[in-house]
C-alpha cells in the first residue's frame, strides 16, 4: 500500500473504526475515552505502517490522541 498518510486520513481511519464522524474527533481528544481499545489501536498501527509510517504501539499508548500520533508520523518521516 503506498497511500500518503495525512492528519485527515488518520482522523478518518480512527472515525471509521469508532463508527463516528471524523468531525467529532479533535486532535487532543483522548481516543481511549472515545472507545478506542488496544486491539483497534494495533490495527491502526499496522495499517499506518503498511502505508509507510511505522508506528510503535508503546509510543502510541503513551498519549492516545490524534495530535500525538501525528507528531509520531512526522518524526518518523524526518528520519
N, C-alpha and C. Protein backbone atom coordinates (compact mmCIF):
# COMPACT_ATOMS: atom_id res chain seq x y z
N UNK A 1 0.86 -1.18 0.00
CA UNK A 1 0.00 0.00 0.00
C UNK A 1 0.90 1.23 0.00
N UNK A 2 0.67 2.15 -0.91
CA UNK A 2 1.50 3.34 -0.97
C UNK A 2 0.65 4.60 -0.86
N UNK A 3 -0.21 4.60 0.10
CA UNK A 3 -1.07 5.75 0.35
C UNK A 3 -0.32 6.76 1.20
N UNK A 4 -0.43 8.03 0.86
CA UNK A 4 0.19 9.07 1.67
C UNK A 4 -0.66 9.29 2.91
N UNK A 5 -0.03 9.16 4.05
CA UNK A 5 -0.73 9.35 5.31
C UNK A 5 -0.76 10.83 5.66
N UNK A 6 -1.95 11.32 5.98
CA UNK A 6 -2.12 12.71 6.39
C UNK A 6 -2.87 12.73 7.71
N UNK A 7 -2.85 13.88 8.34
CA UNK A 7 -3.60 14.04 9.59
C UNK A 7 -5.08 13.71 9.35
N UNK A 8 -5.61 14.18 8.25
CA UNK A 8 -7.03 13.95 7.97
C UNK A 8 -7.34 12.50 7.61
N UNK A 9 -6.40 11.83 6.94
CA UNK A 9 -6.65 10.41 6.64
C UNK A 9 -6.58 9.59 7.92
N UNK A 10 -5.69 9.96 8.84
CA UNK A 10 -5.63 9.29 10.14
C UNK A 10 -6.92 9.52 10.91
N UNK A 11 -7.43 10.75 10.88
CA UNK A 11 -8.69 11.07 11.57
C UNK A 11 -9.83 10.22 10.99
N UNK A 12 -9.85 10.09 9.66
CA UNK A 12 -10.89 9.29 9.00
C UNK A 12 -10.77 7.82 9.38
N UNK A 13 -9.54 7.30 9.47
CA UNK A 13 -9.34 5.91 9.86
C UNK A 13 -9.84 5.66 11.28
N UNK A 14 -9.53 6.56 12.19
CA UNK A 14 -9.98 6.44 13.58
C UNK A 14 -11.50 6.53 13.63
N UNK A 15 -12.07 7.47 12.92
CA UNK A 15 -13.53 7.65 12.91
C UNK A 15 -14.21 6.39 12.39
N UNK A 16 -13.66 5.80 11.34
CA UNK A 16 -14.24 4.59 10.76
C UNK A 16 -14.25 3.46 11.79
N UNK A 17 -13.15 3.30 12.49
CA UNK A 17 -13.04 2.22 13.49
C UNK A 17 -13.99 2.46 14.67
N UNK A 18 -14.22 3.73 15.01
CA UNK A 18 -15.10 4.07 16.14
C UNK A 18 -16.55 4.29 15.72
N UNK A 19 -16.82 4.20 14.42
CA UNK A 19 -18.16 4.44 13.89
C UNK A 19 -18.64 5.84 14.27
N UNK A 20 -17.75 6.80 14.06
CA UNK A 20 -18.03 8.22 14.35
C UNK A 20 -17.80 9.02 13.09
N UNK A 21 -18.28 10.26 13.10
CA UNK A 21 -17.98 11.19 12.02
C UNK A 21 -16.60 11.78 12.30
N UNK A 22 -15.76 11.91 11.28
CA UNK A 22 -14.42 12.47 11.51
C UNK A 22 -14.45 13.84 12.20
N UNK A 23 -15.49 14.62 11.96
CA UNK A 23 -15.57 15.95 12.58
C UNK A 23 -15.76 15.87 14.08
N UNK A 24 -16.10 14.70 14.59
CA UNK A 24 -16.30 14.51 16.03
C UNK A 24 -14.99 14.20 16.76
N UNK A 25 -13.90 14.03 16.02
CA UNK A 25 -12.64 13.64 16.63
C UNK A 25 -11.66 14.81 16.55
N UNK A 26 -11.39 15.41 17.70
CA UNK A 26 -10.45 16.54 17.77
C UNK A 26 -9.03 16.00 17.94
N UNK A 27 -8.07 16.82 17.60
CA UNK A 27 -6.67 16.42 17.70
C UNK A 27 -6.27 16.05 19.12
N UNK A 28 -6.89 16.68 20.11
CA UNK A 28 -6.49 16.44 21.50
C UNK A 28 -7.47 15.58 22.30
N UNK A 29 -8.45 14.96 21.63
CA UNK A 29 -9.35 14.04 22.33
C UNK A 29 -8.58 12.80 22.75
N UNK A 30 -8.86 12.31 23.97
CA UNK A 30 -8.30 11.04 24.39
C UNK A 30 -9.10 9.95 23.67
N UNK A 31 -8.43 9.27 22.76
CA UNK A 31 -9.13 8.30 21.92
C UNK A 31 -9.62 7.09 22.70
N UNK A 32 -8.97 6.78 23.80
CA UNK A 32 -9.45 5.68 24.65
C UNK A 32 -10.79 6.06 25.29
N UNK A 33 -10.92 7.33 25.65
CA UNK A 33 -12.20 7.80 26.20
C UNK A 33 -13.32 7.75 25.17
N UNK A 34 -12.95 7.81 23.89
CA UNK A 34 -13.94 7.74 22.81
C UNK A 34 -14.28 6.30 22.43
N UNK A 35 -13.58 5.34 23.04
CA UNK A 35 -13.91 3.94 22.81
C UNK A 35 -12.85 3.14 22.07
N UNK A 36 -11.73 3.75 21.75
CA UNK A 36 -10.67 3.02 21.07
C UNK A 36 -9.97 2.11 22.08
N UNK A 37 -9.84 0.84 21.75
CA UNK A 37 -9.16 -0.09 22.65
C UNK A 37 -7.81 -0.50 22.06
N UNK A 38 -7.07 -1.27 22.81
CA UNK A 38 -5.70 -1.61 22.38
C UNK A 38 -5.69 -2.44 21.10
N UNK A 39 -6.63 -3.32 20.92
CA UNK A 39 -6.66 -4.14 19.71
C UNK A 39 -6.89 -3.28 18.47
N UNK A 40 -7.80 -2.33 18.57
CA UNK A 40 -8.06 -1.45 17.43
C UNK A 40 -6.89 -0.50 17.21
N UNK A 41 -6.22 -0.11 18.28
CA UNK A 41 -5.03 0.73 18.14
C UNK A 41 -3.94 -0.02 17.40
N UNK A 42 -3.76 -1.29 17.71
CA UNK A 42 -2.77 -2.10 17.00
C UNK A 42 -3.14 -2.26 15.53
N UNK A 43 -4.44 -2.38 15.25
CA UNK A 43 -4.90 -2.46 13.86
C UNK A 43 -4.52 -1.19 13.11
N UNK A 44 -4.77 -0.04 13.73
CA UNK A 44 -4.40 1.24 13.11
C UNK A 44 -2.89 1.33 12.91
N UNK A 45 -2.12 0.94 13.92
CA UNK A 45 -0.66 0.99 13.82
C UNK A 45 -0.17 0.15 12.64
N UNK A 46 -0.75 -1.02 12.48
CA UNK A 46 -0.37 -1.90 11.38
C UNK A 46 -0.76 -1.29 10.04
N UNK A 47 -1.95 -0.77 9.96
CA UNK A 47 -2.44 -0.14 8.73
C UNK A 47 -1.54 1.03 8.33
N UNK A 48 -1.20 1.87 9.29
CA UNK A 48 -0.38 3.04 9.01
C UNK A 48 1.06 2.66 8.68
N UNK A 49 1.54 1.59 9.31
CA UNK A 49 2.89 1.11 8.98
C UNK A 49 2.94 0.64 7.53
N UNK A 50 1.89 -0.07 7.11
CA UNK A 50 1.81 -0.52 5.72
C UNK A 50 1.75 0.66 4.75
N UNK A 51 1.23 1.79 5.23
CA UNK A 51 1.13 2.99 4.39
C UNK A 51 2.44 3.79 4.40
N UNK A 52 3.46 3.26 5.09
CA UNK A 52 4.76 3.90 5.07
C UNK A 52 5.08 4.75 6.29
N UNK A 53 4.27 4.64 7.34
CA UNK A 53 4.51 5.39 8.57
C UNK A 53 4.60 4.41 9.74
N UNK A 54 5.79 3.83 9.94
CA UNK A 54 5.94 2.87 11.04
C UNK A 54 5.52 3.47 12.38
N UNK A 55 4.64 2.79 13.06
CA UNK A 55 4.11 3.27 14.33
C UNK A 55 4.47 2.28 15.43
N UNK A 56 4.98 2.79 16.53
CA UNK A 56 5.33 1.99 17.69
C UNK A 56 4.15 2.04 18.66
N UNK A 57 3.54 0.88 18.89
CA UNK A 57 2.35 0.82 19.74
C UNK A 57 2.62 1.42 21.12
N UNK A 58 3.79 1.14 21.69
CA UNK A 58 4.08 1.66 23.04
C UNK A 58 4.13 3.19 23.04
N UNK A 59 4.65 3.78 21.97
CA UNK A 59 4.67 5.25 21.86
C UNK A 59 3.24 5.79 21.70
N UNK A 60 2.44 5.07 20.94
CA UNK A 60 1.05 5.49 20.74
C UNK A 60 0.28 5.44 22.05
N UNK A 61 0.57 4.44 22.87
CA UNK A 61 -0.16 4.26 24.13
C UNK A 61 0.18 5.33 25.16
N UNK A 62 1.37 5.93 25.04
CA UNK A 62 1.77 6.96 26.00
C UNK A 62 0.83 8.17 25.99
N UNK A 63 0.31 8.47 24.81
CA UNK A 63 -0.57 9.63 24.66
C UNK A 63 -1.52 9.32 23.52
N UNK A 64 -2.69 8.82 23.86
CA UNK A 64 -3.65 8.34 22.85
C UNK A 64 -4.49 9.48 22.30
N UNK A 65 -3.81 10.39 21.61
CA UNK A 65 -4.51 11.48 20.93
C UNK A 65 -4.05 11.51 19.48
N UNK A 66 -4.91 11.96 18.61
CA UNK A 66 -4.57 12.08 17.20
C UNK A 66 -3.39 13.03 17.01
N UNK A 67 -3.38 14.11 17.76
CA UNK A 67 -2.28 15.08 17.66
C UNK A 67 -0.93 14.45 17.95
N UNK A 68 -0.87 13.66 19.02
CA UNK A 68 0.39 12.99 19.38
C UNK A 68 0.78 11.98 18.31
N UNK A 69 -0.20 11.22 17.83
CA UNK A 69 0.11 10.22 16.81
C UNK A 69 0.60 10.87 15.53
N UNK A 70 0.05 12.02 15.19
CA UNK A 70 0.51 12.74 14.01
C UNK A 70 1.95 13.21 14.20
N UNK A 71 2.29 13.64 15.42
CA UNK A 71 3.68 14.03 15.72
C UNK A 71 4.61 12.84 15.52
N UNK A 72 4.18 11.64 15.92
CA UNK A 72 5.00 10.45 15.73
C UNK A 72 5.23 10.18 14.24
N UNK A 73 4.18 10.36 13.43
CA UNK A 73 4.31 10.16 11.99
C UNK A 73 5.31 11.16 11.42
N UNK A 74 5.15 12.41 11.81
CA UNK A 74 6.06 13.44 11.28
C UNK A 74 7.50 13.19 11.71
N UNK A 75 7.70 12.76 12.94
CA UNK A 75 9.05 12.47 13.42
C UNK A 75 9.64 11.31 12.63
N UNK A 76 8.84 10.31 12.34
CA UNK A 76 9.30 9.16 11.54
C UNK A 76 9.65 9.56 10.13
N UNK A 77 8.91 10.51 9.57
CA UNK A 77 9.17 10.93 8.19
C UNK A 77 10.45 11.76 8.10
N UNK A 78 10.84 12.41 9.18
CA UNK A 78 12.03 13.26 9.14
C UNK A 78 13.31 12.47 9.33
N UNK A 79 13.19 11.19 9.67
CA UNK A 79 14.38 10.34 9.86
C UNK A 79 14.95 9.88 8.55
